[in-house]
PDB file of N, CA and C in Angstrom:
ATOM      1  N   MET A   1      -8.839 -15.240   7.253  1.00  0.00           N
ATOM      2  CA  MET A   1      -7.644 -14.786   6.419  1.00  0.00           C
ATOM      3  C   MET A   1      -7.444 -13.293   6.633  1.00  0.00           C
ATOM      4  N   LYS A   2      -6.463 -13.145   7.018  1.00  0.00           N
ATOM      5  CA  LYS A   2      -5.620 -11.631   7.283  1.00  0.00           C
ATOM      6  C   LYS A   2      -5.172 -11.086   5.787  1.00  0.00           C
ATOM      7  N   GLU A   3      -6.070  -9.737   6.175  1.00  0.00           N
ATOM      8  CA  GLU A   3      -5.634  -8.519   4.833  1.00  0.00           C
ATOM      9  C   GLU A   3      -5.272  -7.557   5.039  1.00  0.00           C
ATOM     10  N   VAL A   4      -4.034  -6.950   4.305  1.00  0.00           N
ATOM     11  CA  VAL A   4      -3.460  -5.562   4.572  1.00  0.00           C
ATOM     12  C   VAL A   4      -3.572  -4.880   3.821  1.00  0.00           C
ATOM     13  N   THR A   5      -4.137  -3.365   3.939  1.00  0.00           N
ATOM     14  CA  THR A   5      -4.268  -2.399   3.045  1.00  0.00           C
ATOM     15  C   THR A   5      -3.503  -1.559   2.963  1.00  0.00           C
ATOM     16  N   LEU A   6      -2.339  -1.081   2.772  1.00  0.00           N
ATOM     17  CA  LEU A   6      -1.256   0.305   2.732  1.00  0.00           C
ATOM     18  C   LEU A   6      -1.272   1.440   1.508  1.00  0.00           C
ATOM     19  N   THR A   7      -1.424   2.415   1.722  1.00  0.00           N
ATOM     20  CA  THR A   7      -0.424   3.698   0.815  1.00  0.00           C
ATOM     21  C   THR A   7       0.726   4.109   1.278  1.00  0.00           C
ATOM     22  N   LEU A   8       1.851   3.860   0.292  1.00  0.00           N
ATOM     23  CA  LEU A   8       2.896   4.097   0.833  1.00  0.00           C
ATOM     24  C   LEU A   8       3.341   4.961  -0.483  1.00  0.00           C
ATOM     25  N   PRO A   9       4.906   5.817  -0.001  1.00  0.00           N
ATOM     26  CA  PRO A   9       4.876   6.393  -1.114  1.00  0.00           C
ATOM     27  C   PRO A   9       5.571   5.578  -2.476  1.00  0.00           C
ATOM     28  N   VAL A  10       5.997   6.247  -3.414  1.00  0.00           N
ATOM     29  CA  VAL A  10       6.449   5.471  -4.383  1.00  0.00           C
ATOM     30  C   VAL A  10       8.272   5.702  -4.454  1.00  0.00           C
ATOM     31  N   PRO A  11       8.288   4.151  -4.378  1.00  0.00           N
ATOM     32  CA  PRO A  11       9.647   4.010  -3.951  1.00  0.00           C
ATOM     33  C   PRO A  11      10.510   4.441  -5.351  1.00  0.00           C
ATOM     34  N   PRO A  12      12.221   4.959  -5.010  1.00  0.00           N
ATOM     35  CA  PRO A  12      12.697   5.073  -6.313  1.00  0.00           C
ATOM     36  C   PRO A  12      12.983   3.598  -6.763  1.00  0.00           C
ATOM     37  N   SER A  13      13.354   3.704  -7.884  1.00  0.00           N
ATOM     38  CA  SER A  13      13.819   2.915  -9.040  1.00  0.00           C
ATOM     39  C   SER A  13      14.664   1.803  -8.543  1.00  0.00           C
ATOM     40  N   ALA A  14      14.365   0.391  -8.850  1.00  0.00           N
ATOM     41  CA  ALA A  14      15.881  -0.367  -8.806  1.00  0.00           C
ATOM     42  C   ALA A  14      16.968  -0.212  -9.060  1.00  0.00           C
ATOM     43  N   ASN A  15      16.897   0.656 -10.478  1.00  0.00           N
ATOM     44  CA  ASN A  15      18.195   0.871 -10.601  1.00  0.00           C
ATOM     45  C   ASN A  15      19.364   2.062  -9.671  1.00  0.00           C
ATOM     46  N   LYS A  16      18.415   2.448  -8.470  1.00  0.00           N
ATOM     47  CA  LYS A  16      18.997   3.332  -7.577  1.00  0.00           C
ATOM     48  C   LYS A  16      19.248   2.827  -6.329  1.00  0.00           C
ATOM     49  N   TYR A  17      18.873   1.613  -6.613  1.00  0.00           N
ATOM     50  CA  TYR A  17      19.085   0.340  -5.455  1.00  0.00           C
ATOM     51  C   TYR A  17      20.257   0.560  -4.621  1.00  0.00           C
ATOM     52  N   TRP A  18      21.583   0.096  -5.642  1.00  0.00           N
ATOM     53  CA  TRP A  18      23.109  -0.054  -4.948  1.00  0.00           C
ATOM     54  C   TRP A  18      23.981   0.735  -5.908  1.00  0.00           C
ATOM     55  N   ILE A  19      24.743   0.817  -4.252  1.00  0.00           N
ATOM     56  CA  ILE A  19      25.708   2.486  -5.229  1.00  0.00           C
ATOM     57  C   ILE A  19      27.299   1.315  -5.082  1.00  0.00           C
ATOM     58  N   TYR A  20      28.544   1.691  -5.821  1.00  0.00           N
ATOM     59  CA  TYR A  20      29.686   1.110  -5.404  1.00  0.00           C
ATOM     60  C   TYR A  20      30.605   2.138  -4.986  1.00  0.00           C
ATOM     61  N   ALA A  21      31.067   1.988  -3.897  1.00  0.00           N
ATOM     62  CA  ALA A  21      32.162   3.042  -3.553  1.00  0.00           C
ATOM     63  C   ALA A  21      32.871   1.885  -2.593  1.00  0.00           C
ATOM     64  N   ARG A  22      34.679   2.613  -2.987  1.00  0.00           N
ATOM     65  CA  ARG A  22      35.524   1.679  -2.274  1.00  0.00           C
ATOM     66  C   ARG A  22      35.807   0.435  -2.646  1.00  0.00           C
ATOM     67  N   ASN A  23      35.002  -0.040  -3.874  1.00  0.00           N
ATOM     68  CA  ASN A  23      35.162  -1.569  -4.289  1.00  0.00           C
ATOM     69  C   ASN A  23      34.359  -2.362  -3.512  1.00  0.00           C
ATOM     70  N   ARG A  24      33.125  -1.601  -2.840  1.00  0.00           N
ATOM     71  CA  ARG A  24      31.917  -2.013  -2.070  1.00  0.00           C
ATOM     72  C   ARG A  24      30.749  -2.081  -2.804  1.00  0.00           C
ATOM     73  N   VAL A  25      29.764  -3.222  -2.905  1.00  0.00           N
ATOM     74  CA  VAL A  25      28.371  -2.351  -2.968  1.00  0.00           C
ATOM     75  C   VAL A  25      28.075  -2.350  -1.664  1.00  0.00           C
ATOM     76  N   MET A  26      27.163  -1.046  -2.039  1.00  0.00           N
ATOM     77  CA  MET A  26      26.210  -0.691  -0.949  1.00  0.00           C
ATOM     78  C   MET A  26      24.650  -0.527  -1.092  1.00  0.00           C
ATOM     79  N   THR A  27      23.920  -0.286  -0.352  1.00  0.00           N
ATOM     80  CA  THR A  27      22.852   0.235  -0.600  1.00  0.00           C
ATOM     81  C   THR A  27      22.763   1.791  -0.594  1.00  0.00           C
ATOM     82  N   SER A  28      21.881   2.448  -1.932  1.00  0.00           N
ATOM     83  CA  SER A  28      21.999   3.677  -2.043  1.00  0.00           C
ATOM     84  C   SER A  28      21.186   4.870  -0.285  1.00  0.00           C
ATOM     85  N   PRO A  29      21.625   5.571  -0.175  1.00  0.00           N
ATOM     86  CA  PRO A  29      21.249   6.273   0.960  1.00  0.00           C
ATOM     87  C   PRO A  29      19.298   6.640   0.319  1.00  0.00           C
ATOM     88  N   GLU A  30      19.334   6.669  -0.711  1.00  0.00           N
ATOM     89  CA  GLU A  30      18.014   7.007  -1.403  1.00  0.00           C
ATOM     90  C   GLU A  30      16.923   5.468  -1.190  1.00  0.00           C
ATOM     91  N   ALA A  31      17.817   3.897  -1.083  1.00  0.00           N
ATOM     92  CA  ALA A  31      16.993   3.315  -1.035  1.00  0.00           C
ATOM     93  C   ALA A  31      17.023   2.986   0.632  1.00  0.00           C
ATOM     94  N   ARG A  32      17.635   3.365   1.398  1.00  0.00           N
ATOM     95  CA  ARG A  32      18.061   3.417   3.046  1.00  0.00           C
ATOM     96  C   ARG A  32      16.762   4.171   3.305  1.00  0.00           C
ATOM     97  N   ALA A  33      16.398   5.434   3.056  1.00  0.00           N
ATOM     98  CA  ALA A  33      15.478   6.499   3.137  1.00  0.00           C
ATOM     99  C   ALA A  33      14.057   5.980   3.002  1.00  0.00           C
ATOM    100  N   TYR A  34      14.199   5.485   2.045  1.00  0.00           N
ATOM    101  CA  TYR A  34      12.997   4.704   1.482  1.00  0.00           C
ATOM    102  C   TYR A  34      11.824   3.494   2.373  1.00  0.00           C
ATOM    103  N   LYS A  35      13.204   2.970   2.714  1.00  0.00           N
ATOM    104  CA  LYS A  35      12.649   1.978   3.676  1.00  0.00           C
ATOM    105  C   LYS A  35      12.406   2.009   4.780  1.00  0.00           C
ATOM    106  N   ASP A  36      12.980   3.157   5.420  1.00  0.00           N
ATOM    107  CA  ASP A  36      13.125   4.286   6.985  1.00  0.00           C
ATOM    108  C   ASP A  36      11.532   4.615   7.127  1.00  0.00           C
ATOM    109  N   ALA A  37      11.671   5.083   5.594  1.00  0.00           N
ATOM    110  CA  ALA A  37       9.932   5.863   5.685  1.00  0.00           C
ATOM    111  C   ALA A  37       8.854   4.774   5.919  1.00  0.00           C
ATOM    112  N   VAL A  38       9.002   3.706   5.202  1.00  0.00           N
ATOM    113  CA  VAL A  38       7.963   3.057   5.138  1.00  0.00           C
ATOM    114  C   VAL A  38       8.061   2.333   6.636  1.00  0.00           C
ATOM    115  N   ARG A  39       8.747   1.878   6.855  1.00  0.00           N
ATOM    116  CA  ARG A  39       8.873   1.365   8.644  1.00  0.00           C
ATOM    117  C   ARG A  39       8.322   2.020   9.804  1.00  0.00           C
ATOM    118  N   LEU A  40       8.501   3.789   9.177  1.00  0.00           N
ATOM    119  CA  LEU A  40       7.659   4.974  10.027  1.00  0.00           C
ATOM    120  C   LEU A  40       6.479   4.907   9.792  1.00  0.00           C
ATOM    121  N   LEU A  41       5.906   4.658   8.667  1.00  0.00           N
ATOM    122  CA  LEU A  41       4.526   4.985   8.116  1.00  0.00           C
ATOM    123  C   LEU A  41       3.563   3.868   8.219  1.00  0.00           C
ATOM    124  N   THR A  42       4.734   2.591   8.698  1.00  0.00           N
ATOM    125  CA  THR A  42       3.187   1.229   8.600  1.00  0.00           C
ATOM    126  C   THR A  42       3.748   0.578  10.184  1.00  0.00           C
ATOM    127  N   ARG A  43       2.326   0.592  10.929  1.00  0.00           N
ATOM    128  CA  ARG A  43       2.217  -0.472  11.994  1.00  0.00           C
ATOM    129  C   ARG A  43       1.201  -1.065  12.060  1.00  0.00           C
ATOM    130  N   ILE A  44       2.098  -2.375  11.789  1.00  0.00           N
ATOM    131  CA  ILE A  44       0.917  -3.092  11.232  1.00  0.00           C
ATOM    132  C   ILE A  44       1.409  -4.364  12.120  1.00  0.00           C
ATOM    133  N   ASP A  45       0.230  -5.309  12.318  1.00  0.00           N
ATOM    134  CA  ASP A  45       0.671  -6.658  12.881  1.00  0.00           C
ATOM    135  C   ASP A  45       1.544  -7.830  11.559  1.00  0.00           C
ATOM    136  N   MET A  46       2.319  -8.337  11.447  1.00  0.00           N
ATOM    137  CA  MET A  46       2.944  -9.085  10.445  1.00  0.00           C
ATOM    138  C   MET A  46       2.069 -10.185   9.982  1.00  0.00           C
ATOM    139  N   ILE A  47       2.349 -10.631   8.650  1.00  0.00           N
ATOM    140  CA  ILE A  47       1.712 -11.826   8.192  1.00  0.00           C
ATOM    141  C   ILE A  47       2.807 -13.077   8.442  1.00  0.00           C
ATOM    142  N   SER A  48       2.606 -13.925   9.201  1.00  0.00           N
ATOM    143  CA  SER A  48       3.257 -15.059   9.350  1.00  0.00           C
ATOM    144  C   SER A  48       3.179 -16.420   8.467  1.00  0.00           C
ATOM    145  N   GLY A  49       2.358 -16.875   7.275  1.00  0.00           N
ATOM    146  CA  GLY A  49       2.478 -17.828   6.312  1.00  0.00           C
ATOM    147  C   GLY A  49       2.478 -16.823   5.043  1.00  0.00           C
ATOM    148  N   PRO A  50       2.494 -18.017   4.309  1.00  0.00           N
ATOM    149  CA  PRO A  50       2.474 -17.206   2.647  1.00  0.00           C
ATOM    150  C   PRO A  50       1.841 -15.818   2.448  1.00  0.00           C
ATOM    151  N   VAL A  51       2.501 -15.063   1.765  1.00  0.00           N
ATOM    152  CA  VAL A  51       1.339 -13.400   0.992  1.00  0.00           C
ATOM    153  C   VAL A  51       1.462 -13.555   0.097  1.00  0.00           C
ATOM    154  N   ALA A  52       0.313 -13.314  -0.325  1.00  0.00           N
ATOM    155  CA  ALA A  52      -0.196 -12.579  -1.674  1.00  0.00           C
ATOM    156  C   ALA A  52      -0.215 -11.213  -1.727  1.00  0.00           C
ATOM    157  N   VAL A  53       0.452 -10.629  -2.672  1.00  0.00           N
ATOM    158  CA  VAL A  53       0.431  -8.983  -2.657  1.00  0.00           C
ATOM    159  C   VAL A  53      -0.104  -8.533  -3.997  1.00  0.00           C
ATOM    160  N   ASN A  54      -1.339  -7.663  -4.076  1.00  0.00           N
ATOM    161  CA  ASN A  54      -1.456  -6.635  -4.956  1.00  0.00           C
ATOM    162  C   ASN A  54      -1.152  -5.257  -4.946  1.00  0.00           C
ATOM    163  N   VAL A  55      -0.547  -4.605  -5.760  1.00  0.00           N
ATOM    164  CA  VAL A  55       0.205  -3.641  -5.929  1.00  0.00           C
ATOM    165  C   VAL A  55       0.084  -2.718  -6.776  1.00  0.00           C
ATOM    166  N   SER A  56      -0.783  -1.394  -6.852  1.00  0.00           N
ATOM    167  CA  SER A  56      -1.098  -0.669  -8.124  1.00  0.00           C
ATOM    168  C   SER A  56       0.300   0.647  -7.457  1.00  0.00           C
ATOM    169  N   VAL A  57       0.859   0.844  -8.175  1.00  0.00           N
ATOM    170  CA  VAL A  57       1.642   1.887  -8.454  1.00  0.00           C
ATOM    171  C   VAL A  57       1.549   3.039  -9.894  1.00  0.00           C
ATOM    172  N   TYR A  58       1.299   4.159  -8.480  1.00  0.00           N
ATOM    173  CA  TYR A  58       1.083   5.057  -9.476  1.00  0.00           C
ATOM    174  C   TYR A  58       2.010   6.336  -9.605  1.00  0.00           C
ATOM    175  N   ARG A  59       2.667   5.934 -10.611  1.00  0.00           N
ATOM    176  CA  ARG A  59       4.001   7.068 -10.709  1.00  0.00           C
ATOM    177  C   ARG A  59       3.254   8.145 -10.891  1.00  0.00           C
ATOM    178  N   PRO A  60       4.762   8.947 -10.911  1.00  0.00           N
ATOM    179  CA  PRO A  60       4.555  10.800 -11.036  1.00  0.00           C
ATOM    180  C   PRO A  60       5.087  10.911 -12.285  1.00  0.00           C
ATOM    181  N   ALA A  61       5.486  10.687 -13.471  1.00  0.00           N
ATOM    182  CA  ALA A  61       6.109  10.294 -14.667  1.00  0.00           C
ATOM    183  C   ALA A  61       6.164   9.601 -15.300  1.00  0.00           C
ATOM    184  N   LYS A  62       5.897   9.581 -17.031  1.00  0.00           N
ATOM    185  CA  LYS A  62       5.477   8.280 -17.768  1.00  0.00           C
ATOM    186  C   LYS A  62       6.966   7.828 -17.890  1.00  0.00           C
ATOM    187  N   ARG A  63       7.663   7.587 -16.613  1.00  0.00           N
ATOM    188  CA  ARG A  63       8.975   7.067 -17.142  1.00  0.00           C
ATOM    189  C   ARG A  63       9.435   5.643 -15.644  1.00  0.00           C
ATOM    190  N   GLY A  64      10.151   4.886 -15.896  1.00  0.00           N
ATOM    191  CA  GLY A  64      10.384   3.749 -14.966  1.00  0.00           C
ATOM    192  C   GLY A  64       9.978   2.731 -14.920  1.00  0.00           C
ATOM    193  N   ASP A  65      10.010   1.486 -14.944  1.00  0.00           N
ATOM    194  CA  ASP A  65       9.571  -0.064 -15.295  1.00  0.00           C
ATOM    195  C   ASP A  65       9.220  -0.136 -13.732  1.00  0.00           C
ATOM    196  N   LEU A  66       7.870  -1.026 -14.218  1.00  0.00           N
ATOM    197  CA  LEU A  66       7.035  -1.485 -12.996  1.00  0.00           C
ATOM    198  C   LEU A  66       7.784  -2.537 -12.603  1.00  0.00           C
ATOM    199  N   ASP A  67       8.573  -3.558 -12.608  1.00  0.00           N
ATOM    200  CA  ASP A  67       9.529  -3.835 -11.794  1.00  0.00           C
ATOM    201  C   ASP A  67      10.373  -3.697 -11.097  1.00  0.00           C
ATOM    202  N   ASN A  68      11.114  -2.692 -11.644  1.00  0.00           N
ATOM    203  CA  ASN A  68      12.137  -1.519 -10.822  1.00  0.00           C
ATOM    204  C   ASN A  68      11.121  -0.951  -9.422  1.00  0.00           C
ATOM    205  N   TYR A  69       9.983  -0.819  -9.420  1.00  0.00           N
ATOM    206  CA  TYR A  69       9.526  -0.008  -8.412  1.00  0.00           C
ATOM    207  C   TYR A  69       9.347  -1.409  -7.364  1.00  0.00           C
ATOM    208  N   LEU A  70       8.900  -2.542  -7.777  1.00  0.00           N
ATOM    209  CA  LEU A  70       8.985  -3.632  -6.713  1.00  0.00           C
ATOM    210  C   LEU A  70       9.427  -4.002  -6.008  1.00  0.00           C
ATOM    211  N   LYS A  71      11.531  -4.200  -6.237  1.00  0.00           N
ATOM    212  CA  LYS A  71      11.865  -4.462  -5.568  1.00  0.00           C
ATOM    213  C   LYS A  71      12.228  -3.787  -4.418  1.00  0.00           C
ATOM    214  N   ILE A  72      12.748  -2.754  -3.949  1.00  0.00           N
ATOM    215  CA  ILE A  72      13.014  -1.565  -2.932  1.00  0.00           C
ATOM    216  C   ILE A  72      11.606  -1.850  -2.413  1.00  0.00           C
ATOM    217  N   MET A  73      10.287  -1.697  -2.709  1.00  0.00           N
ATOM    218  CA  MET A  73       9.344  -1.333  -1.697  1.00  0.00           C
ATOM    219  C   MET A  73       9.047  -2.921  -1.158  1.00  0.00           C
ATOM    220  N   LEU A  74       9.225  -4.150  -2.271  1.00  0.00           N
ATOM    221  CA  LEU A  74       9.019  -5.528  -1.159  1.00  0.00           C
ATOM    222  C   LEU A  74       9.831  -5.682   0.071  1.00  0.00           C
ATOM    223  N   ASP A  75      11.282  -5.175  -0.402  1.00  0.00           N
ATOM    224  CA  ASP A  75      12.455  -5.328   0.986  1.00  0.00           C
ATOM    225  C   ASP A  75      12.343  -4.123   1.782  1.00  0.00           C
ATOM    226  N   ALA A  76      11.610  -3.275   1.790  1.00  0.00           N
ATOM    227  CA  ALA A  76      11.301  -2.319   2.431  1.00  0.00           C
ATOM    228  C   ALA A  76      10.037  -2.528   3.267  1.00  0.00           C
ATOM    229  N   LEU A  77       9.010  -3.546   3.342  1.00  0.00           N
ATOM    230  CA  LEU A  77       8.077  -4.153   4.054  1.00  0.00           C
ATOM    231  C   LEU A  77       8.599  -5.308   4.347  1.00  0.00           C
ATOM    232  N   GLN A  78      10.063  -5.631   4.344  1.00  0.00           N
ATOM    233  CA  GLN A  78       9.942  -7.121   5.140  1.00  0.00           C
ATOM    234  C   GLN A  78      10.745  -6.417   6.230  1.00  0.00           C
ATOM    235  N   GLY A  79      10.097  -7.297   7.584  1.00  0.00           N
ATOM    236  CA  GLY A  79      10.209  -6.693   9.218  1.00  0.00           C
ATOM    237  C   GLY A  79       9.081  -6.102   9.514  1.00  0.00           C
ATOM    238  N   VAL A  80       8.130  -5.740   8.630  1.00  0.00           N
ATOM    239  CA  VAL A  80       7.145  -4.665   8.725  1.00  0.00           C
ATOM    240  C   VAL A  80       5.564  -5.586   8.571  1.00  0.00           C
ATOM    241  N   LEU A  81       5.791  -6.148   6.999  1.00  0.00           N
ATOM    242  CA  LEU A  81       4.257  -6.877   6.829  1.00  0.00           C
ATOM    243  C   LEU A  81       4.283  -8.207   6.722  1.00  0.00           C
ATOM    244  N   TYR A  82       5.884  -8.325   6.841  1.00  0.00           N
ATOM    245  CA  TYR A  82       5.695 -10.099   6.434  1.00  0.00           C
ATOM    246  C   TYR A  82       7.461  -9.903   7.507  1.00  0.00           C
ATOM    247  N   GLU A  83       7.859 -11.450   7.775  1.00  0.00           N
ATOM    248  CA  GLU A  83       9.750 -11.194   8.513  1.00  0.00           C
ATOM    249  C   GLU A  83      10.221 -11.329   7.121  1.00  0.00           C
ATOM    250  N   ASP A  84      10.258 -12.169   5.825  1.00  0.00           N
ATOM    251  CA  ASP A  84      11.304 -12.126   5.063  1.00  0.00           C
ATOM    252  C   ASP A  84      10.133 -12.156   3.870  1.00  0.00           C
ATOM    253  N   ASP A  85      10.955 -11.671   2.676  1.00  0.00           N
ATOM    254  CA  ASP A  85       9.823 -11.845   1.240  1.00  0.00           C
ATOM    255  C   ASP A  85       9.945 -13.020   0.814  1.00  0.00           C
ATOM    256  N   ARG A  86      10.461 -13.931   1.286  1.00  0.00           N
ATOM    257  CA  ARG A  86      10.532 -15.534   0.704  1.00  0.00           C
ATOM    258  C   ARG A  86       9.029 -15.869   0.965  1.00  0.00           C
ATOM    259  N   GLN A  87       8.408 -15.145   1.963  1.00  0.00           N
ATOM    260  CA  GLN A  87       6.768 -15.314   1.831  1.00  0.00           C
ATOM    261  C   GLN A  87       6.373 -15.022   0.806  1.00  0.00           C
ATOM    262  N   ILE A  88       6.432 -14.037   0.315  1.00  0.00           N
ATOM    263  CA  ILE A  88       5.379 -13.974  -1.087  1.00  0.00           C
ATOM    264  C   ILE A  88       5.473 -15.227  -1.750  1.00  0.00           C
ATOM    265  N   THR A  89       4.421 -15.316  -1.987  1.00  0.00           N
ATOM    266  CA  THR A  89       4.171 -16.690  -3.645  1.00  0.00           C
ATOM    267  C   THR A  89       3.532 -16.279  -4.631  1.00  0.00           C
ATOM    268  N   GLU A  90       2.795 -15.059  -4.484  1.00  0.00           N
ATOM    269  CA  GLU A  90       2.120 -14.255  -5.993  1.00  0.00           C
ATOM    270  C   GLU A  90       1.862 -12.883  -5.447  1.00  0.00           C
ATOM    271  N   ILE A  91       2.570 -12.325  -6.710  1.00  0.00           N
ATOM    272  CA  ILE A  91       2.397 -10.786  -7.110  1.00  0.00           C
ATOM    273  C   ILE A  91       1.292 -10.510  -8.300  1.00  0.00           C
ATOM    274  N   HIS A  92       0.840  -9.709  -7.950  1.00  0.00           N
ATOM    275  CA  HIS A  92      -0.025  -8.857  -8.842  1.00  0.00           C
ATOM    276  C   HIS A  92       0.112  -7.278  -9.067  1.00  0.00           C
ATOM    277  N   ALA A  93       0.439  -6.797 -10.012  1.00  0.00           N
ATOM    278  CA  ALA A  93       1.149  -5.687 -10.061  1.00  0.00           C
ATOM    279  C   ALA A  93       0.532  -4.690 -11.529  1.00  0.00           C
ATOM    280  N   PHE A  94       0.553  -3.584 -11.318  1.00  0.00           N
ATOM    281  CA  PHE A  94      -0.123  -2.553 -12.039  1.00  0.00           C
ATOM    282  C   PHE A  94       0.446  -1.346 -12.221  1.00  0.00           C
ATOM    283  N   ARG A  95       0.509  -0.598 -13.205  1.00  0.00           N
ATOM    284  CA  ARG A  95       1.419   0.662 -13.148  1.00  0.00           C
ATOM    285  C   ARG A  95       0.370   1.800 -13.870  1.00  0.00           C
ATOM    286  N   TYR A  96       0.203   2.580 -13.365  1.00  0.00           N
ATOM    287  CA  TYR A  96      -0.778   3.768 -13.441  1.00  0.00           C
ATOM    288  C   TYR A  96       0.166   5.031 -13.617  1.00  0.00           C
ATOM    289  N   ASP A  97      -0.492   6.046 -13.853  1.00  0.00           N
ATOM    290  CA  ASP A  97       0.236   7.339 -13.931  1.00  0.00           C
ATOM    291  C   ASP A  97      -0.680   8.713 -12.991  1.00  0.00           C
ATOM    292  N   ASP A  98      -0.003   9.037 -11.958  1.00  0.00           N
ATOM    293  CA  ASP A  98      -1.182   9.878 -11.312  1.00  0.00           C
ATOM    294  C   ASP A  98       0.404  11.227 -10.964  1.00  0.00           C
ATOM    295  N   LYS A  99       0.542  12.262 -11.698  1.00  0.00           N
ATOM    296  CA  LYS A  99       1.268  13.294 -11.278  1.00  0.00           C
ATOM    297  C   LYS A  99       1.372  14.093 -10.340  1.00  0.00           C
ATOM    298  N   ASP A 100       0.182  14.394  -9.918  1.00  0.00           N
ATOM    299  CA  ASP A 100      -0.651  14.919  -8.568  1.00  0.00           C
ATOM    300  C   ASP A 100      -0.489  14.124  -7.467  1.00  0.00           C
ATOM    301  N   ASN A 101      -0.618  13.118  -7.679  1.00  0.00           N
ATOM    302  CA  ASN A 101      -1.007  12.128  -6.537  1.00  0.00           C
ATOM    303  C   ASN A 101       0.177  10.838  -6.647  1.00  0.00           C
ATOM    304  N   PRO A 102       1.295  10.715  -6.952  1.00  0.00           N
ATOM    305  CA  PRO A 102       2.125   9.266  -7.070  1.00  0.00           C
ATOM    306  C   PRO A 102       1.868   8.891  -5.693  1.00  0.00           C
ATOM    307  N   ARG A 103       1.725   7.993  -5.501  1.00  0.00           N
ATOM    308  CA  ARG A 103       2.102   6.383  -4.583  1.00  0.00           C
ATOM    309  C   ARG A 103       1.485   5.132  -4.667  1.00  0.00           C
ATOM    310  N   VAL A 104       1.563   4.118  -4.165  1.00  0.00           N
ATOM    311  CA  VAL A 104       1.147   2.790  -4.139  1.00  0.00           C
ATOM    312  C   VAL A 104      -0.010   2.458  -3.194  1.00  0.00           C
ATOM    313  N   GLU A 105      -0.858   1.661  -4.029  1.00  0.00           N
ATOM    314  CA  GLU A 105      -1.823   1.034  -2.970  1.00  0.00           C
ATOM    315  C   GLU A 105      -1.067  -0.155  -3.337  1.00  0.00           C
ATOM    316  N   LEU A 106      -1.029  -0.922  -2.253  1.00  0.00           N
ATOM    317  CA  LEU A 106      -0.855  -2.520  -1.470  1.00  0.00           C
ATOM    318  C   LEU A 106      -2.184  -3.069  -0.818  1.00  0.00           C
ATOM    319  N   VAL A 107      -2.390  -4.164  -1.543  1.00  0.00           N
ATOM    320  CA  VAL A 107      -3.368  -5.135  -0.519  1.00  0.00           C
ATOM    321  C   VAL A 107      -2.537  -6.364  -0.499  1.00  0.00           C
ATOM    322  N   ALA A 108      -2.261  -6.835   0.741  1.00  0.00           N
ATOM    323  CA  ALA A 108      -1.453  -8.243   0.886  1.00  0.00           C
ATOM    324  C   ALA A 108      -2.587  -8.857   1.688  1.00  0.00           C
ATOM    325  N   TYR A 109      -2.097 -10.342   1.669  1.00  0.00           N
ATOM    326  CA  TYR A 109      -3.277 -11.002   2.513  1.00  0.00           C
ATOM    327  C   TYR A 109      -2.410 -12.254   2.299  1.00  0.00           C
ATOM    328  N   GLU A 110      -2.512 -12.917   3.434  1.00  0.00           N
ATOM    329  CA  GLU A 110      -2.529 -14.861   4.264  1.00  0.00           C
ATOM    330  C   GLU A 110      -2.876 -15.906   3.221  1.00  0.00           C
ATOM    331  N   GLU A 111      -2.481 -16.274   2.398  1.00  0.00           N
ATOM    332  CA  GLU A 111      -2.750 -17.327   1.850  1.00  0.00           C
ATOM    333  C   GLU A 111      -2.795 -18.710   2.692  1.00  0.00           C
ATOM    334  N   LYS A 112      -3.878 -19.266   2.918  1.00  0.00           N
ATOM    335  CA  LYS A 112      -4.203 -20.422   3.396  1.00  0.00           C
ATOM    336  C   LYS A 112      -4.272 -21.681   2.651  1.00  0.00           C
TER     337      LYS A 112
END
């Protein structure tokens, strides 16, 4: 069974994922910058089958919903850790506070 462990920066909230400009909905510059950073930080062989993910978000301040962090982070790992986030069949997510070292610790493994 393939297992991958990653430490990533804390993503912006999903509340900042979309912007509206000229009657169009677009991905925000902040979300695009995060996705680019994850792609640059992560060089691994992709998981090809169903994926289970354990995520620990260490947020920099006592604000932000756990589920709002997940959307941008899991989208950013598309094409990096797995081909499509539709492969994710299981998610375990935890939220902690660490103002001195905010981060996301992620363990993903291919389910058999």
